[in-house]
Structures are given as structure tokens and as C-alpha cells.
Amino acid sequence: MRGITTVFLAVLIEGSVSLQAAAQGGSIEVRGSSDDGHFKLLHSITVDGGENLNDEARGIAVAEDGAVYVTGYVTVSGQGRNIWLGKYDRDLGYIDSVTVNGPANGDDEGYTIAFDESGFVYLIGYMTEPGQGHNIWLGKFSSDLVLLDDITLNGSQNDSEDGYGILFDQPSGNLYAAGYLREIDGGSNVWLGIFDTDLVVLNSITRNGPLTDDTDKARFMTWDAQRHLFVSGSMTQADTDYDIWIGKFDEDLSFIDEVIVAGPTADEDKGYGIVFDGTDTIFVTGTIIQPGQSYDIWMAAYDTDLNSLGDLTINGPADGEDVAYGMTIGQDGSLYHAGVYTELEGGSNIWVARFDENIELQSWTTIDGPASGYDTGLFVAMAPDEKLYVSAIVSDPVRGFDIWVGCYDVSTIFVDDFESGDTSAWSGVSP
């Protein structure tokens, strides 16, 4: 078991300082959010690791009892990034948090969260080990954040690898994991693994793209109704950098099909969030680089045979970095996204948006951190009561990056072409 520490972090809650905190930060500006509609922000917290060093959120998930779990990392002097797991009540009141430091005192990071039927909490990410760089890391925690077990996986190239996605599969009672491994004969390859809940490896595969020694990555996963596993990620083709990759596999990880989406330039295009609508459609988010526009938000729909049903791109008014990362689906089939949207005012801002099942944009809001620097949403999670939770990064003028978590009421979002609600603080250009 790795070194684990209970941590008491500086937490700023809705502008007031909690019992854990002595840190002070600037105000956070929420655009396009009001009592009249769009995204109504109910609660938010900002988490500082306490050393005025970069601390960043990654995954967020809501347990059956309503508890909200967030993972990412906090930076500790002499230890680099430590895996961080925080637990909050449904109103984002602080319950507990822990960090995990790897044996090399290097960078360690948690990415996504899953729960099994017994309420155990699973994380995937990476951990730095002596002489091996980053290794894929999986950890199992009790619901009160006690680390019960963990493992790391190292590829044959003995170089850096990351784990990104983890998914509990209720029918089999197993965990599915996604990331990439570096192999001697293939460079960085798509990696998928199946584990039991004791973190014993039951099966794993790698998949190499068209180029032998280039970078291919699996990120996140979803099931369809026939128990096919769909995976988002990136794959490198000849004469391009990353292209968006979507793979289809049987439940035993046997390969079925894939599609690679290349943008109009030879630059990086990446696939991130992926969900199934419960009937016949797979939705995927990511980013595509358009000529002269840097990264643009990308969203697409596919049938379960990976035939395209349509896609769209969104470019912010500043022609800067615009990316859709996390995605979840509501009970009514609406799609919720978190990402980054670059505006003329505030720079790169947290972006939260809702789309309908035809991938038409219904509503959106942005959040500018106190430093007007790089603020970005990473993941979204829907609670049973249809409250939307967002994990994000905000820039602070003193502390660098901080973890930010928001809770939204999405029950009263308007869908009338943005004519309702207070939009006076927006950039003036709808996505």
C-alpha cells in the first residue's frame, strides 16, 4: 500500500472560508447564470493544497447516497503531485480528503472514479515509480477514504504510461479500465484492462494504430444495450498528429470496429467524453483544430455500428483553446458537457453546456477564475435528483491553479435560442 495521508485543505465555499481554510482568493465570475434560467449555480468550492502550488481537479462522481467524490492532484513540496481524493455532501460541504504519494516522490495523479455495488471507491490515474516514469495506477478505497489496495502497470518500454478511464460493469461485477502503455514494438498503444474488485487483472489488450512508433491513447468508455464497449481516445495516422479515435469491443475486449476522425489540419484532434443514450446512439466529445482557430469544441453522434449521425464544432470568440472534455446524460436524454471556452474577456474559461439528443446546443455558461487565466472544466456528474456537478481548474493570482467544484440546478434551463435569462455578462458571441 502506498503512502496515504489525511489532508485538511484550504476550501473557499461560496465566498466564505470554511473551518479548514485560512487561504483567501479573488472572486469567481459566473457568466450567463442567473435566477431566471440557464445554469443556476447553487454551490461551489475552491480547494487549495495549502502551499500556493498548482492543484488540479480531474474526475467527479456521485454515489448512491448523494456523496460527491472528486479526484485530481495536490502539489506537495518534495513530493511533486500527489493523488488527491475528496468527499463532500450533496451541498458540497466538506466531509474528508486524502492524498496518496508514490514511492519516487514524483508526480502522481488521479483521473476518474467508479463505485461498485458494495460502495467501494475506485480510482485510476498514474503513479511515478523509480526508474519507470509514470505507471498506470489503480486504487481501491472504502467509502470513508481508507486506501485498501492499489496496483501499478508498466509497459515493456519501461517508460511513462497513464490511466484515464475506469468503469464498473454491474452485470459482470468487474472493472474496466482505459489508458495507454508504451511497448517496445509499438510506441504508445491504446490499452484496455479488465479487473476484479480486488484489482486482480483478468484480461488486458493493447491496440497499435497505423504507425508503429507513435502515440495512441484510450481515454473513456461506455456500454451499449448489446454490451459492446465503446472507447474514446486518440490515434496517430501518417502525416498527422493525434486524430480522434473511437473503438468498439466485445465485453471480453475482442476488437470489433473503429473509426478515426481527422480534422482539416494535420494538428492534434482528440476524443474525450463518450456516452450511450440507452437506445441506439453513441455521443462523443473532444476537440478539433481548425485552420487559424486553434482547438475547437467538437461533438458527434454515431449509431452503434459507428456510422456518423452528425457532428458540430464550436469556436470561441477569441480563436483560442476550446475543448469539450467530460460528458454525462440526464434522465430526459439531454447531454451535459464541461470544457474550456476562450473568450475576449477572461481568457480561457470554464464552459458548461447542455445539448439535446440532436446535438443542438440548448444552453451554456462560462466561469472566469480570479486570475483571468486558464480556467477549464474537466468532468460532469449527474445526481439522482438531477443536480449537475462539475469538476474544474481555476487560476488564482497567488496560488496558481486551484481545484474548483460547482453544483448546478439544471431543472429550469431555457431552450429558446438564448433569449431568456441574463446574458449581459457574456462575450456577446454564442457558440
Protein backbone atom coordinates (compact mmCIF):
# COMPACT_ATOMS: atom_id res chain seq x y z
CA MET A 1 0.00 0.00 0.00
CA ARG A 2 1.30 3.45 -0.93
CA GLY A 3 1.86 6.32 1.46
CA ILE A 4 -1.51 7.83 2.27
CA THR A 5 -2.25 10.94 4.28
CA THR A 6 -5.42 12.54 5.57
CA VAL A 7 -5.25 16.15 4.44
CA PHE A 8 -7.03 19.30 5.53
CA LEU A 9 -7.05 21.62 2.58
CA ALA A 10 -7.92 25.26 2.21
CA VAL A 11 -11.50 25.32 0.99
CA LEU A 12 -13.30 28.50 -0.02
CA ILE A 13 -17.06 27.92 -0.04
CA GLU A 14 -19.32 30.39 -1.88
CA GLY A 15 -17.09 33.29 -0.89
CA SER A 16 -16.73 32.36 2.79
CA VAL A 17 -13.92 30.42 4.40
CA SER A 18 -14.72 27.01 5.82
CA LEU A 19 -13.30 25.58 9.03
CA GLN A 20 -10.47 24.00 7.07
CA ALA A 21 -9.27 27.18 5.47
CA ALA A 22 -7.11 30.16 6.06
CA ALA A 23 -6.50 30.89 2.38
CA GLN A 24 -8.05 33.86 0.62
CA GLY A 25 -8.62 34.22 -3.11
CA GLY A 26 -10.23 36.54 -5.61
CA SER A 27 -13.84 36.34 -6.65
CA ILE A 28 -15.04 33.96 -9.34
CA GLU A 29 -17.24 35.46 -12.03
CA VAL A 30 -20.07 33.34 -13.39
CA ARG A 31 -21.33 34.39 -16.81
CA GLY A 32 -24.81 33.73 -18.12
CA SER A 33 -26.10 32.31 -14.82
CA SER A 34 -29.00 33.95 -13.01
CA ASP A 35 -32.11 33.16 -11.01
CA ASP A 36 -34.08 33.42 -14.26
CA GLY A 37 -32.59 30.43 -16.00
CA HIS A 38 -29.78 28.88 -17.94
CA PHE A 39 -27.40 27.18 -15.50
CA LYS A 40 -28.22 28.16 -11.92
CA LEU A 41 -25.15 27.76 -9.68
CA LEU A 42 -26.27 26.50 -6.26
CA HIS A 43 -22.95 25.81 -4.52
CA SER A 44 -19.27 25.97 -5.34
CA ILE A 45 -15.98 25.35 -3.58
CA THR A 46 -12.37 26.14 -4.37
CA VAL A 47 -9.72 23.81 -2.96
CA ASP A 48 -6.12 24.87 -2.37
CA GLY A 49 -3.49 22.32 -1.33
CA GLY A 50 -2.04 24.81 1.12
CA GLU A 51 1.40 25.50 -0.39
CA ASN A 52 0.46 28.04 -3.10
CA LEU A 53 1.38 25.42 -5.69
CA ASN A 54 -0.69 24.05 -8.56
CA ASP A 55 -3.61 21.80 -7.52
CA GLU A 56 -5.97 20.46 -10.17
CA ALA A 57 -9.24 18.53 -10.30
CA ARG A 58 -9.91 15.66 -12.66
CA GLY A 59 -12.83 13.24 -12.22
CA ILE A 60 -16.07 13.70 -10.27
CA ALA A 61 -18.75 11.13 -9.38
CA VAL A 62 -21.87 10.96 -7.21
CA ALA A 63 -22.51 7.90 -5.03
CA GLU A 64 -25.97 6.41 -4.45
CA ASP A 65 -26.17 8.12 -1.04
CA GLY A 66 -25.61 11.52 -2.66
CA ALA A 67 -21.99 11.93 -1.55
CA VAL A 68 -19.81 13.69 -4.13
CA TYR A 69 -16.29 12.38 -4.76
CA VAL A 70 -13.65 14.39 -6.61
CA THR A 71 -10.16 13.34 -7.64
CA GLY A 72 -7.10 15.02 -9.13
CA TYR A 73 -3.88 16.07 -7.51
CA VAL A 74 -2.39 18.49 -4.98
CA THR A 75 1.24 19.55 -5.16
CA VAL A 76 3.42 18.97 -2.09
CA SER A 77 6.96 20.31 -1.69
CA GLY A 78 9.48 17.50 -2.09
CA GLN A 79 6.82 15.07 -3.35
CA GLY A 80 5.54 16.65 -6.55
CA ARG A 81 1.92 15.95 -7.41
CA ASN A 82 0.09 13.65 -5.02
CA ILE A 83 -3.10 11.80 -5.91
CA TRP A 84 -5.99 13.56 -4.15
CA LEU A 85 -9.46 12.25 -3.35
CA GLY A 86 -12.05 14.48 -1.69
CA LYS A 87 -15.51 13.64 -0.37
CA TYR A 88 -18.35 16.17 0.00
CA ASP A 89 -22.03 16.11 0.82
CA ARG A 90 -24.64 16.96 -1.81
CA ASP A 91 -24.33 20.68 -0.98
CA LEU A 92 -20.54 20.45 -1.32
CA GLY A 93 -19.96 20.56 2.41
CA TYR A 94 -16.56 19.12 3.21
CA ILE A 95 -16.51 15.57 4.65
CA ASP A 96 -12.96 14.24 4.21
CA SER A 97 -9.99 14.06 1.84
CA VAL A 98 -6.82 12.00 1.42
CA THR A 99 -3.66 12.08 -0.69
CA VAL A 100 -1.52 9.23 -1.98
CA ASN A 101 2.21 9.71 -2.64
CA GLY A 102 4.11 7.23 -4.80
CA PRO A 103 7.47 5.69 -3.89
CA ALA A 104 9.51 8.01 -6.15
CA ASN A 105 8.20 11.29 -4.66
CA GLY A 106 7.36 12.18 -8.25
CA ASP A 107 4.15 13.20 -9.94
CA ASP A 108 1.09 11.06 -9.12
CA GLU A 109 -2.42 11.89 -10.28
CA GLY A 110 -5.97 10.56 -10.02
CA TYR A 111 -8.14 10.77 -13.14
CA THR A 112 -11.55 9.14 -12.82
CA ILE A 113 -13.76 7.47 -10.22
CA ALA A 114 -16.03 4.41 -10.15
CA PHE A 115 -18.15 2.72 -7.46
CA ASP A 116 -19.02 -0.95 -7.15
CA GLU A 117 -22.25 -2.40 -5.78
CA SER A 118 -20.81 -2.56 -2.26
CA GLY A 119 -19.95 1.15 -2.20
CA PHE A 120 -16.18 0.80 -2.60
CA VAL A 121 -14.49 3.64 -4.48
CA TYR A 122 -12.03 3.01 -7.30
CA LEU A 123 -9.61 5.47 -8.87
CA ILE A 124 -7.46 5.25 -11.95
CA GLY A 125 -4.58 7.56 -12.80
CA TYR A 126 -0.82 7.32 -12.82
CA MET A 127 1.96 6.97 -10.28
CA THR A 128 5.68 7.66 -10.69
CA GLU A 129 7.89 4.72 -9.71
CA PRO A 130 11.71 4.66 -9.53
CA GLY A 131 13.30 4.09 -12.93
CA GLN A 132 9.95 3.65 -14.69
CA GLY A 133 8.39 7.09 -15.05
CA HIS A 134 4.58 7.19 -14.89
CA ASN A 135 2.84 3.85 -14.49
CA ILE A 136 -0.89 3.22 -14.75
CA TRP A 137 -2.26 3.18 -11.19
CA LEU A 138 -5.49 1.76 -9.78
CA GLY A 139 -6.59 2.22 -6.18
CA LYS A 140 -9.46 0.84 -4.10
CA PHE A 141 -10.85 2.88 -1.20
CA SER A 142 -13.55 2.38 1.37
CA SER A 143 -16.37 4.93 1.35
CA ASP A 144 -14.63 6.72 4.23
CA LEU A 145 -11.48 7.12 2.09
CA VAL A 146 -9.28 4.38 3.55
CA LEU A 147 -6.94 3.03 0.86
CA LEU A 148 -7.50 -0.73 0.85
CA ASP A 149 -5.37 -1.80 -2.10
CA ASP A 150 -3.59 -0.45 -5.17
CA ILE A 151 -1.59 -1.69 -8.14
CA THR A 152 0.53 -0.23 -10.94
CA LEU A 153 1.10 -1.45 -14.51
CA ASN A 154 4.25 -0.82 -16.53
CA GLY A 155 4.66 -1.40 -20.29
CA SER A 156 7.53 -3.25 -21.92
CA GLN A 157 9.24 0.00 -22.93
CA ASN A 158 9.62 0.88 -19.23
CA ASP A 159 8.51 4.44 -19.91
CA SER A 160 5.66 6.72 -18.90
CA GLU A 161 2.07 5.40 -19.08
CA ASP A 162 -1.23 6.86 -17.91
CA GLY A 163 -4.61 5.50 -16.88
CA TYR A 164 -7.60 7.68 -17.79
CA GLY A 165 -10.95 5.91 -17.58
CA ILE A 166 -12.48 3.41 -15.14
CA LEU A 167 -15.94 1.89 -15.34
CA PHE A 168 -17.72 -0.59 -13.06
CA ASP A 169 -19.65 -3.19 -15.05
CA GLN A 170 -22.63 -4.33 -12.98
CA PRO A 171 -23.51 -7.48 -15.00
CA SER A 172 -20.03 -8.99 -14.63
CA GLY A 173 -19.09 -7.35 -11.33
CA ASN A 174 -15.75 -6.33 -12.86
CA LEU A 175 -13.91 -3.08 -13.51
CA TYR A 176 -12.95 -1.90 -16.99
CA ALA A 177 -10.01 0.48 -17.37
CA ALA A 178 -8.58 2.55 -20.22
CA GLY A 179 -5.31 4.34 -20.87
CA TYR A 180 -2.12 3.71 -22.78
CA LEU A 181 1.01 1.58 -22.42
CA ARG A 182 4.37 2.13 -24.06
CA GLU A 183 5.60 -1.01 -25.78
CA ILE A 184 8.92 -1.78 -27.45
CA ASP A 185 7.29 -2.80 -30.73
CA GLY A 186 4.54 -0.21 -30.88
CA GLY A 187 5.27 3.05 -29.08
CA SER A 188 2.35 4.33 -27.01
CA ASN A 189 -0.59 1.99 -27.60
CA VAL A 190 -4.25 2.03 -26.66
CA TRP A 191 -4.66 -0.09 -23.51
CA LEU A 192 -7.80 -1.66 -22.06
CA GLY A 193 -7.96 -3.88 -18.99
CA ILE A 194 -10.50 -5.90 -17.01
CA PHE A 195 -10.03 -6.27 -13.24
CA ASP A 196 -12.00 -7.89 -10.48
CA THR A 197 -12.84 -5.76 -7.46
CA ASP A 198 -9.70 -6.99 -5.69
CA LEU A 199 -7.73 -5.35 -8.53
CA VAL A 200 -6.63 -8.70 -10.00
CA VAL A 201 -6.04 -8.44 -13.75
CA LEU A 202 -8.48 -10.69 -15.62
CA ASN A 203 -7.66 -9.57 -19.15
CA SER A 204 -5.90 -6.76 -20.98
CA ILE A 205 -5.16 -5.76 -24.55
CA THR A 206 -3.23 -3.11 -26.42
CA ARG A 207 -4.00 -1.78 -29.85
CA ASN A 208 -1.48 -0.09 -32.10
CA GLY A 209 -2.51 2.46 -34.70
CA PRO A 210 -1.36 2.71 -38.32
CA LEU A 211 2.09 4.00 -37.30
CA THR A 212 4.33 1.63 -35.35
CA ASP A 213 6.14 4.01 -33.01
CA ASP A 214 3.68 6.80 -32.41
CA THR A 215 1.11 7.77 -29.79
CA ASP A 216 -2.28 6.07 -29.44
CA LYS A 217 -4.42 6.55 -26.32
CA ALA A 218 -7.70 5.24 -24.92
CA ARG A 219 -9.47 7.63 -22.58
CA PHE A 220 -13.09 6.97 -21.60
CA MET A 221 -15.70 4.23 -22.08
CA THR A 222 -19.41 3.44 -22.30
CA TRP A 223 -21.61 0.39 -22.97
CA ASP A 224 -24.41 -0.01 -25.47
CA ALA A 225 -27.51 -2.15 -24.94
CA GLN A 226 -25.85 -5.22 -26.52
CA ARG A 227 -22.88 -4.98 -24.13
CA HIS A 228 -20.45 -3.65 -26.65
CA LEU A 229 -17.78 -1.45 -25.12
CA PHE A 230 -17.16 1.87 -26.89
CA VAL A 231 -13.93 3.73 -26.16
CA SER A 232 -12.85 7.28 -26.97
CA GLY A 233 -9.29 8.41 -27.45
CA SER A 234 -6.64 9.42 -29.97
CA MET A 235 -4.69 7.65 -32.67
CA THR A 236 -1.88 8.84 -34.93
CA GLN A 237 -2.02 8.35 -38.68
CA ALA A 238 0.56 9.10 -41.33
CA ASP A 239 1.14 12.82 -41.90
CA THR A 240 -0.99 13.86 -38.92
CA ASP A 241 -0.63 14.43 -35.23
CA TYR A 242 -3.35 12.92 -33.00
CA ASP A 243 -6.70 12.15 -34.61
CA ILE A 244 -9.91 11.34 -32.75
CA TRP A 245 -10.32 7.58 -32.31
CA ILE A 246 -13.45 5.64 -31.31
CA GLY A 247 -13.18 1.88 -30.81
CA LYS A 248 -15.83 -0.83 -30.43
CA PHE A 249 -15.08 -4.02 -28.50
CA ASP A 250 -16.86 -7.08 -27.14
CA GLU A 251 -17.11 -7.44 -23.36
CA ASP A 252 -14.02 -9.71 -23.44
CA LEU A 253 -12.12 -6.87 -25.22
CA SER A 254 -12.17 -8.57 -28.61
CA PHE A 255 -11.86 -5.86 -31.25
CA ILE A 256 -14.93 -5.24 -33.46
CA ASP A 257 -14.51 -1.94 -35.26
CA GLU A 258 -13.11 1.57 -35.05
CA VAL A 259 -13.41 4.98 -36.63
CA ILE A 260 -10.72 7.65 -36.87
CA VAL A 261 -11.77 11.29 -37.31
CA ALA A 262 -9.19 13.70 -38.72
CA GLY A 263 -9.77 17.43 -38.64
CA PRO A 264 -8.95 19.78 -41.53
CA THR A 265 -5.38 20.34 -40.33
CA ALA A 266 -2.58 17.91 -39.53
CA ASP A 267 -2.59 19.05 -35.89
CA GLU A 268 -3.98 17.46 -32.71
CA ASP A 269 -7.58 16.20 -32.66
CA LYS A 270 -8.64 14.34 -29.51
CA GLY A 271 -11.63 12.35 -28.30
CA TYR A 272 -12.75 12.63 -24.66
CA GLY A 273 -16.25 12.17 -23.23
CA ILE A 274 -18.41 9.29 -24.50
CA VAL A 275 -21.95 8.24 -23.50
CA PHE A 276 -24.73 5.95 -24.78
CA ASP A 277 -28.30 7.27 -24.89
CA GLY A 278 -29.88 3.94 -23.88
CA THR A 279 -31.35 3.15 -27.28
CA ASP A 280 -29.18 3.43 -30.38
CA THR A 281 -26.80 6.40 -30.28
CA ILE A 282 -23.25 6.97 -29.04
CA PHE A 283 -22.24 10.58 -28.34
CA VAL A 284 -18.60 11.68 -28.24
CA THR A 285 -16.91 14.96 -27.31
CA GLY A 286 -13.44 16.30 -27.91
CA THR A 287 -11.57 18.91 -29.89
CA ILE A 288 -10.55 19.51 -33.49
CA ILE A 289 -8.06 22.09 -34.70
CA GLN A 290 -9.44 24.30 -37.46
CA PRO A 291 -7.18 26.45 -39.64
CA GLY A 292 -6.40 29.69 -37.83
CA GLN A 293 -8.60 28.84 -34.84
CA SER A 294 -6.53 26.63 -32.52
CA TYR A 295 -8.64 24.00 -30.72
CA ASP A 296 -12.40 23.98 -31.38
CA ILE A 297 -15.01 22.14 -29.32
CA TRP A 298 -16.16 19.01 -31.21
CA MET A 299 -19.21 16.85 -30.61
CA ALA A 300 -20.57 13.99 -32.68
CA ALA A 301 -23.24 11.29 -32.72
CA TYR A 302 -22.81 7.74 -34.06
CA ASP A 303 -25.04 4.73 -34.34
CA THR A 304 -23.80 1.56 -32.67
CA ASP A 305 -22.19 0.44 -35.95
CA LEU A 306 -20.08 3.62 -35.80
CA ASN A 307 -21.84 5.28 -38.71
CA SER A 308 -21.80 9.05 -38.29
CA LEU A 309 -25.13 10.71 -37.48
CA GLY A 310 -23.74 14.23 -37.46
CA ASP A 311 -21.21 16.43 -35.73
CA LEU A 312 -20.51 20.05 -34.89
CA THR A 313 -17.65 22.32 -33.88
CA ILE A 314 -17.74 25.44 -31.69
CA ASN A 315 -15.15 28.19 -31.85
CA GLY A 316 -14.95 30.79 -29.09
CA PRO A 317 -14.74 34.49 -29.93
CA ALA A 318 -11.00 34.69 -29.21
CA ASP A 319 -9.99 31.86 -31.59
CA GLY A 320 -8.24 30.27 -28.62
CA GLU A 321 -8.42 26.91 -26.90
CA ASP A 322 -11.96 25.48 -26.90
CA VAL A 323 -12.31 21.86 -25.78
CA ALA A 324 -15.18 19.64 -24.56
CA TYR A 325 -13.86 17.12 -22.02
CA GLY A 326 -16.42 15.42 -19.78
CA MET A 327 -19.99 14.49 -20.70
CA THR A 328 -22.99 12.93 -18.96
CA ILE A 329 -26.61 12.33 -19.86
CA GLY A 330 -29.72 13.40 -17.96
CA GLN A 331 -32.90 11.42 -17.41
CA ASP A 332 -34.59 13.29 -20.26
CA GLY A 333 -31.77 12.48 -22.69
CA SER A 334 -30.14 15.91 -22.53
CA LEU A 335 -26.35 15.91 -22.78
CA TYR A 336 -24.25 17.95 -20.36
CA HIS A 337 -20.66 18.92 -21.05
CA ALA A 338 -17.75 20.54 -19.28
CA GLY A 339 -14.76 22.02 -21.00
CA VAL A 340 -12.89 25.21 -21.76
CA TYR A 341 -14.06 28.15 -23.88
CA THR A 342 -11.79 31.11 -24.70
CA GLU A 343 -13.48 34.50 -24.54
CA LEU A 344 -12.41 38.06 -25.22
CA GLU A 345 -12.98 38.78 -21.54
CA GLY A 346 -11.29 36.48 -19.02
CA GLY A 347 -9.30 34.35 -21.42
CA SER A 348 -9.84 30.59 -21.19
CA ASN A 349 -12.91 30.00 -19.02
CA ILE A 350 -14.77 27.01 -17.61
CA TRP A 351 -17.54 26.07 -20.04
CA VAL A 352 -20.69 24.15 -19.05
CA ALA A 353 -23.28 23.38 -21.71
CA ARG A 354 -26.39 21.40 -22.48
CA PHE A 355 -27.27 19.78 -25.82
CA ASP A 356 -30.36 17.91 -26.92
CA GLU A 357 -30.36 14.43 -28.48
CA ASN A 358 -29.86 16.00 -31.92
CA ILE A 359 -26.62 17.62 -30.67
CA GLU A 360 -28.17 21.07 -30.86
CA LEU A 361 -26.83 23.46 -28.25
CA GLN A 362 -29.57 24.48 -25.79
CA SER A 363 -27.79 26.49 -23.12
CA TRP A 364 -24.36 27.30 -21.81
CA THR A 365 -22.47 29.29 -19.20
CA THR A 366 -18.83 30.17 -18.56
CA ILE A 367 -16.91 30.81 -15.35
CA ASP A 368 -13.87 33.06 -15.09
CA GLY A 369 -11.47 32.46 -12.20
CA PRO A 370 -9.91 35.24 -10.12
CA ALA A 371 -6.75 35.43 -12.22
CA SER A 372 -8.48 35.58 -15.63
CA GLY A 373 -6.06 32.85 -16.65
CA TYR A 374 -6.54 29.26 -17.74
CA ASP A 375 -9.82 28.05 -16.20
CA THR A 376 -11.23 24.79 -17.53
CA GLY A 377 -13.99 22.30 -16.76
CA LEU A 378 -12.96 18.66 -16.78
CA PHE A 379 -15.79 16.33 -15.79
CA VAL A 380 -19.51 16.38 -15.07
CA ALA A 381 -21.68 14.04 -12.99
CA MET A 382 -25.45 13.92 -12.63
CA ALA A 383 -27.01 13.14 -9.25
CA PRO A 384 -30.28 11.17 -8.96
CA ASP A 385 -32.11 14.43 -8.20
CA GLU A 386 -30.82 15.89 -11.50
CA LYS A 387 -28.33 18.25 -9.90
CA LEU A 388 -25.25 18.63 -12.07
CA TYR A 389 -21.77 18.59 -10.51
CA VAL A 390 -18.74 19.96 -12.35
CA SER A 391 -15.05 19.49 -11.56
CA ALA A 392 -12.72 22.16 -12.89
CA ILE A 393 -9.48 24.11 -12.59
CA VAL A 394 -9.36 27.83 -11.80
CA SER A 395 -6.40 30.16 -11.95
CA ASP A 396 -5.50 32.12 -8.82
CA PRO A 397 -3.10 35.10 -8.91
CA VAL A 398 -1.14 33.79 -5.91
CA ARG A 399 -1.69 30.04 -5.77
CA GLY A 400 -1.50 29.13 -9.45
CA PHE A 401 -4.17 26.52 -10.23
CA ASP A 402 -6.83 25.52 -7.71
CA ILE A 403 -9.45 22.77 -7.72
CA TRP A 404 -12.99 24.07 -8.30
CA VAL A 405 -16.25 22.16 -7.91
CA GLY A 406 -19.70 23.51 -8.74
CA CYS A 407 -23.24 22.25 -8.21
CA TYR A 408 -25.92 23.41 -10.66
CA ASP A 409 -29.68 23.27 -10.75
CA VAL A 410 -30.44 22.32 -14.35
CA SER A 411 -34.19 21.87 -13.91
CA THR A 412 -35.14 25.30 -15.28
CA ILE A 413 -32.80 25.72 -18.25
CA PHE A 414 -34.33 27.71 -21.08
CA VAL A 415 -34.16 26.36 -24.62
CA ASP A 416 -35.36 29.41 -26.57
CA ASP A 417 -32.23 30.36 -28.51
CA PHE A 418 -30.68 32.15 -25.52
CA GLU A 419 -33.32 34.89 -25.41
CA SER A 420 -34.21 34.17 -21.77
CA GLY A 421 -32.06 34.71 -18.73
CA ASP A 422 -29.33 37.22 -18.04
CA THR A 423 -26.73 37.16 -20.79
CA SER A 424 -25.40 40.68 -20.24
CA ALA A 425 -22.05 39.43 -18.94
CA TRP A 426 -21.39 37.04 -21.82
CA SER A 427 -18.85 37.69 -24.52
CA GLY A 428 -21.59 38.54 -26.99
CA VAL A 429 -20.85 35.63 -29.30
CA SER A 430 -22.90 32.47 -28.83
CA PRO A 431 -21.08 29.21 -29.58
